[in-house]
Amino acid sequence: MARREERGDMTVREAGRKGGETTKRTHGHDFYVQIGHKGGQKVRDLINRAKRSE
């Protein structure tokens, strides 16, 4: 049986989905494009920093 972490009547998974839906509704598609770009930039910066330290 899979472990379920619960807070009240809502599972953690359900709460995450609900929060994601709310964020999507309030911020829209462009918000996700921006945070995806920022995350990709951080990864590129970390890779470049690691290459320089070799």
PDB file of N, CA and C in Angstrom:
ATOM      1  N   MET A   1       0.838  -1.187   0.000  1.00  0.00           N
ATOM      2  CA  MET A   1       0.000   0.000   0.000  1.00  0.00           C
ATOM      3  C   MET A   1       0.885   1.253   0.000  1.00  0.00           C
ATOM      4  N   ALA A   2       0.600   2.199  -0.856  1.00  0.00           N
ATOM      5  CA  ALA A   2       1.386   3.431  -0.963  1.00  0.00           C
ATOM      6  C   ALA A   2       1.147   4.317   0.253  1.00  0.00           C
ATOM      7  N   ARG A   3       2.210   4.969   0.676  1.00  0.00           N
ATOM      8  CA  ARG A   3       2.111   5.875   1.828  1.00  0.00           C
ATOM      9  C   ARG A   3       1.428   7.162   1.404  1.00  0.00           C
ATOM     10  N   ARG A   4       0.464   7.610   2.182  1.00  0.00           N
ATOM     11  CA  ARG A   4      -0.247   8.863   1.899  1.00  0.00           C
ATOM     12  C   ARG A   4       0.000   9.824   3.038  1.00  0.00           C
ATOM     13  N   GLU A   5       0.569  10.977   2.702  1.00  0.00           N
ATOM     14  CA  GLU A   5       0.734  12.028   3.702  1.00  0.00           C
ATOM     15  C   GLU A   5      -0.485  12.917   3.608  1.00  0.00           C
ATOM     16  N   GLU A   6      -1.156  13.088   4.726  1.00  0.00           N
ATOM     17  CA  GLU A   6      -2.398  13.848   4.693  1.00  0.00           C
ATOM     18  C   GLU A   6      -2.382  15.025   5.652  1.00  0.00           C
ATOM     19  N   ARG A   7      -3.046  16.051   5.267  1.00  0.00           N
ATOM     20  CA  ARG A   7      -3.303  17.221   6.111  1.00  0.00           C
ATOM     21  C   ARG A   7      -4.807  17.425   6.049  1.00  0.00           C
ATOM     22  N   GLY A   8      -5.497  17.061   7.095  1.00  0.00           N
ATOM     23  CA  GLY A   8      -6.954  17.164   7.079  1.00  0.00           C
ATOM     24  C   GLY A   8      -7.531  16.159   6.093  1.00  0.00           C
ATOM     25  N   ASP A   9      -8.420  16.613   5.223  1.00  0.00           N
ATOM     26  CA  ASP A   9      -9.053  15.729   4.264  1.00  0.00           C
ATOM     27  C   ASP A   9      -8.350  15.723   2.909  1.00  0.00           C
ATOM     28  N   MET A  10      -7.279  16.474   2.750  1.00  0.00           N
ATOM     29  CA  MET A  10      -6.620  16.613   1.461  1.00  0.00           C
ATOM     30  C   MET A  10      -5.217  15.999   1.530  1.00  0.00           C
ATOM     31  N   THR A  11      -4.852  15.195   0.538  1.00  0.00           N
ATOM     32  CA  THR A  11      -3.505  14.651   0.513  1.00  0.00           C
ATOM     33  C   THR A  11      -2.534  15.732   0.045  1.00  0.00           C
ATOM     34  N   VAL A  12      -1.256  15.483   0.253  1.00  0.00           N
ATOM     35  CA  VAL A  12      -0.226  16.419  -0.178  1.00  0.00           C
ATOM     36  C   VAL A  12      -0.275  16.586  -1.696  1.00  0.00           C
ATOM     37  N   ARG A  13      -0.492  15.479  -2.399  1.00  0.00           N
ATOM     38  CA  ARG A  13      -0.584  15.521  -3.861  1.00  0.00           C
ATOM     39  C   ARG A  13      -1.762  16.394  -4.313  1.00  0.00           C
ATOM     40  N   GLU A  14      -2.909  16.221  -3.659  1.00  0.00           N
ATOM     41  CA  GLU A  14      -4.082  17.026  -4.015  1.00  0.00           C
ATOM     42  C   GLU A  14      -3.844  18.512  -3.724  1.00  0.00           C
ATOM     43  N   ALA A  15      -3.181  18.803  -2.607  1.00  0.00           N
ATOM     44  CA  ALA A  15      -2.890  20.194  -2.258  1.00  0.00           C
ATOM     45  C   ALA A  15      -1.943  20.811  -3.283  1.00  0.00           C
ATOM     46  N   GLY A  16      -0.946  20.042  -3.717  1.00  0.00           N
ATOM     47  CA  GLY A  16      -0.016  20.539  -4.730  1.00  0.00           C
ATOM     48  C   GLY A  16      -0.705  20.816  -6.043  1.00  0.00           C
ATOM     49  N   ARG A  17      -1.581  19.918  -6.444  1.00  0.00           N
ATOM     50  CA  ARG A  17      -2.326  20.100  -7.695  1.00  0.00           C
ATOM     51  C   ARG A  17      -3.214  21.335  -7.601  1.00  0.00           C
ATOM     52  N   LYS A  18      -3.877  21.494  -6.458  1.00  0.00           N
ATOM     53  CA  LYS A  18      -4.754  22.654  -6.261  1.00  0.00           C
ATOM     54  C   LYS A  18      -3.955  23.952  -6.304  1.00  0.00           C
ATOM     55  N   GLY A  19      -2.791  23.973  -5.650  1.00  0.00           N
ATOM     56  CA  GLY A  19      -1.938  25.153  -5.666  1.00  0.00           C
ATOM     57  C   GLY A  19      -1.427  25.460  -7.059  1.00  0.00           C
ATOM     58  N   GLY A  20      -1.073  24.421  -7.808  1.00  0.00           N
ATOM     59  CA  GLY A  20      -0.616  24.607  -9.179  1.00  0.00           C
ATOM     60  C   GLY A  20      -1.699  25.173 -10.071  1.00  0.00           C
ATOM     61  N   GLU A  21      -2.901  24.683  -9.899  1.00  0.00           N
ATOM     62  CA  GLU A  21      -4.030  25.201 -10.677  1.00  0.00           C
ATOM     63  C   GLU A  21      -4.277  26.671 -10.361  1.00  0.00           C
ATOM     64  N   THR A  22      -4.190  27.022  -9.079  1.00  0.00           N
ATOM     65  CA  THR A  22      -4.394  28.419  -8.676  1.00  0.00           C
ATOM     66  C   THR A  22      -3.304  29.306  -9.266  1.00  0.00           C
ATOM     67  N   THR A  23      -2.058  28.857  -9.205  1.00  0.00           N
ATOM     68  CA  THR A  23      -0.944  29.627  -9.767  1.00  0.00           C
ATOM     69  C   THR A  23      -1.130  29.803 -11.263  1.00  0.00           C
ATOM     70  N   LYS A  24      -1.534  28.742 -11.933  1.00  0.00           N
ATOM     71  CA  LYS A  24      -1.768  28.800 -13.382  1.00  0.00           C
ATOM     72  C   LYS A  24      -2.860  29.816 -13.709  1.00  0.00           C
ATOM     73  N   ARG A  25      -3.901  29.804 -12.919  1.00  0.00           N
ATOM     74  CA  ARG A  25      -5.027  30.704 -13.165  1.00  0.00           C
ATOM     75  C   ARG A  25      -4.663  32.165 -12.885  1.00  0.00           C
ATOM     76  N   THR A  26      -3.881  32.405 -11.818  1.00  0.00           N
ATOM     77  CA  THR A  26      -3.575  33.785 -11.446  1.00  0.00           C
ATOM     78  C   THR A  26      -2.406  34.378 -12.228  1.00  0.00           C
ATOM     79  N   HIS A  27      -1.400  33.561 -12.579  1.00  0.00           N
ATOM     80  CA  HIS A  27      -0.198  34.084 -13.230  1.00  0.00           C
ATOM     81  C   HIS A  27      -0.136  33.812 -14.726  1.00  0.00           C
ATOM     82  N   GLY A  28      -0.770  32.761 -15.200  1.00  0.00           N
ATOM     83  CA  GLY A  28      -0.809  32.473 -16.625  1.00  0.00           C
ATOM     84  C   GLY A  28       0.432  31.761 -17.164  1.00  0.00           C
ATOM     85  N   HIS A  29       0.375  31.481 -18.443  1.00  0.00           N
ATOM     86  CA  HIS A  29       1.405  30.716 -19.145  1.00  0.00           C
ATOM     87  C   HIS A  29       2.760  31.418 -19.126  1.00  0.00           C
ATOM     88  N   ASP A  30       2.791  32.709 -19.317  1.00  0.00           N
ATOM     89  CA  ASP A  30       4.059  33.445 -19.380  1.00  0.00           C
ATOM     90  C   ASP A  30       4.871  33.315 -18.086  1.00  0.00           C
ATOM     91  N   PHE A  31       4.201  33.195 -16.963  1.00  0.00           N
ATOM     92  CA  PHE A  31       4.881  33.013 -15.682  1.00  0.00           C
ATOM     93  C   PHE A  31       5.729  31.745 -15.716  1.00  0.00           C
ATOM     94  N   TYR A  32       5.159  30.659 -16.222  1.00  0.00           N
ATOM     95  CA  TYR A  32       5.884  29.396 -16.288  1.00  0.00           C
ATOM     96  C   TYR A  32       7.033  29.463 -17.291  1.00  0.00           C
ATOM     97  N   VAL A  33       6.856  30.209 -18.363  1.00  0.00           N
ATOM     98  CA  VAL A  33       7.937  30.400 -19.336  1.00  0.00           C
ATOM     99  C   VAL A  33       9.099  31.126 -18.663  1.00  0.00           C
ATOM    100  N   GLN A  34       8.795  32.166 -17.900  1.00  0.00           N
ATOM    101  CA  GLN A  34       9.836  32.943 -17.220  1.00  0.00           C
ATOM    102  C   GLN A  34      10.585  32.116 -16.179  1.00  0.00           C
ATOM    103  N   ILE A  35       9.858  31.376 -15.329  1.00  0.00           N
ATOM    104  CA  ILE A  35      10.553  30.613 -14.297  1.00  0.00           C
ATOM    105  C   ILE A  35      11.316  29.445 -14.914  1.00  0.00           C
ATOM    106  N   GLY A  36      10.838  28.907 -16.013  1.00  0.00           N
ATOM    107  CA  GLY A  36      11.582  27.856 -16.713  1.00  0.00           C
ATOM    108  C   GLY A  36      12.883  28.393 -17.273  1.00  0.00           C
ATOM    109  N   HIS A  37      12.843  29.587 -17.823  1.00  0.00           N
ATOM    110  CA  HIS A  37      14.050  30.216 -18.353  1.00  0.00           C
ATOM    111  C   HIS A  37      15.050  30.475 -17.232  1.00  0.00           C
ATOM    112  N   LYS A  38      14.565  30.979 -16.099  1.00  0.00           N
ATOM    113  CA  LYS A  38      15.444  31.251 -14.962  1.00  0.00           C
ATOM    114  C   LYS A  38      16.093  29.961 -14.460  1.00  0.00           C
ATOM    115  N   GLY A  39      15.327  28.896 -14.384  1.00  0.00           N
ATOM    116  CA  GLY A  39      15.873  27.613 -13.936  1.00  0.00           C
ATOM    117  C   GLY A  39      16.918  27.090 -14.899  1.00  0.00           C
ATOM    118  N   GLY A  40      16.654  27.201 -16.193  1.00  0.00           N
ATOM    119  CA  GLY A  40      17.628  26.769 -17.192  1.00  0.00           C
ATOM    120  C   GLY A  40      18.900  27.584 -17.127  1.00  0.00           C
ATOM    121  N   GLN A  41      18.788  28.870 -16.875  1.00  0.00           N
ATOM    122  CA  GLN A  41      19.963  29.740 -16.762  1.00  0.00           C
ATOM    123  C   GLN A  41      20.806  29.350 -15.554  1.00  0.00           C
ATOM    124  N   LYS A  42      20.149  29.010 -14.446  1.00  0.00           N
ATOM    125  CA  LYS A  42      20.890  28.595 -13.257  1.00  0.00           C
ATOM    126  C   LYS A  42      21.684  27.325 -13.536  1.00  0.00           C
ATOM    127  N   VAL A  43      21.077  26.387 -14.252  1.00  0.00           N
ATOM    128  CA  VAL A  43      21.768  25.143 -14.586  1.00  0.00           C
ATOM    129  C   VAL A  43      22.978  25.440 -15.464  1.00  0.00           C
ATOM    130  N   ARG A  44      22.822  26.286 -16.472  1.00  0.00           N
ATOM    131  CA  ARG A  44      23.944  26.644 -17.341  1.00  0.00           C
ATOM    132  C   ARG A  44      25.060  27.305 -16.543  1.00  0.00           C
ATOM    133  N   ASP A  45      24.698  28.194 -15.622  1.00  0.00           N
ATOM    134  CA  ASP A  45      25.703  28.862 -14.793  1.00  0.00           C
ATOM    135  C   ASP A  45      26.463  27.863 -13.921  1.00  0.00           C
ATOM    136  N   LEU A  46      25.749  26.908 -13.338  1.00  0.00           N
ATOM    137  CA  LEU A  46      26.401  25.896 -12.504  1.00  0.00           C
ATOM    138  C   LEU A  46      27.345  25.028 -13.324  1.00  0.00           C
ATOM    139  N   ILE A  47      26.935  24.650 -14.518  1.00  0.00           N
ATOM    140  CA  ILE A  47      27.789  23.837 -15.389  1.00  0.00           C
ATOM    141  C   ILE A  47      29.044  24.608 -15.767  1.00  0.00           C
ATOM    142  N   ASN A  48      28.887  25.866 -16.151  1.00  0.00           N
ATOM    143  CA  ASN A  48      30.051  26.677 -16.522  1.00  0.00           C
ATOM    144  C   ASN A  48      30.992  26.884 -15.343  1.00  0.00           C
ATOM    145  N   ARG A  49      30.438  27.078 -14.155  1.00  0.00           N
ATOM    146  CA  ARG A  49      31.278  27.264 -12.975  1.00  0.00           C
ATOM    147  C   ARG A  49      32.062  25.984 -12.671  1.00  0.00           C
ATOM    148  N   ALA A  50      31.412  24.834 -12.833  1.00  0.00           N
ATOM    149  CA  ALA A  50      32.088  23.556 -12.602  1.00  0.00           C
ATOM    150  C   ALA A  50      33.197  23.328 -13.622  1.00  0.00           C
ATOM    151  N   LYS A  51      32.962  23.709 -14.871  1.00  0.00           N
ATOM    152  CA  LYS A  51      33.995  23.556 -15.907  1.00  0.00           C
ATOM    153  C   LYS A  51      35.196  24.430 -15.605  1.00  0.00           C
ATOM    154  N   ARG A  52      34.971  25.631 -15.111  1.00  0.00           N
ATOM    155  CA  ARG A  52      36.076  26.546 -14.797  1.00  0.00           C
ATOM    156  C   ARG A  52      36.898  26.052 -13.611  1.00  0.00           C
ATOM    157  N   SER A  53      36.267  25.328 -12.705  1.00  0.00           N
ATOM    158  CA  SER A  53      36.981  24.877 -11.506  1.00  0.00           C
ATOM    159  C   SER A  53      37.801  23.608 -11.753  1.00  0.00           C
ATOM    160  N   GLU A  54      37.648  22.980 -12.901  1.00  0.00           N
ATOM    161  CA  GLU A  54      38.389  21.736 -13.189  1.00  0.00           C
ATOM    162  C   GLU A  54      39.842  21.963 -13.402  1.00  0.00           C
TER     163      GLU A  54
END
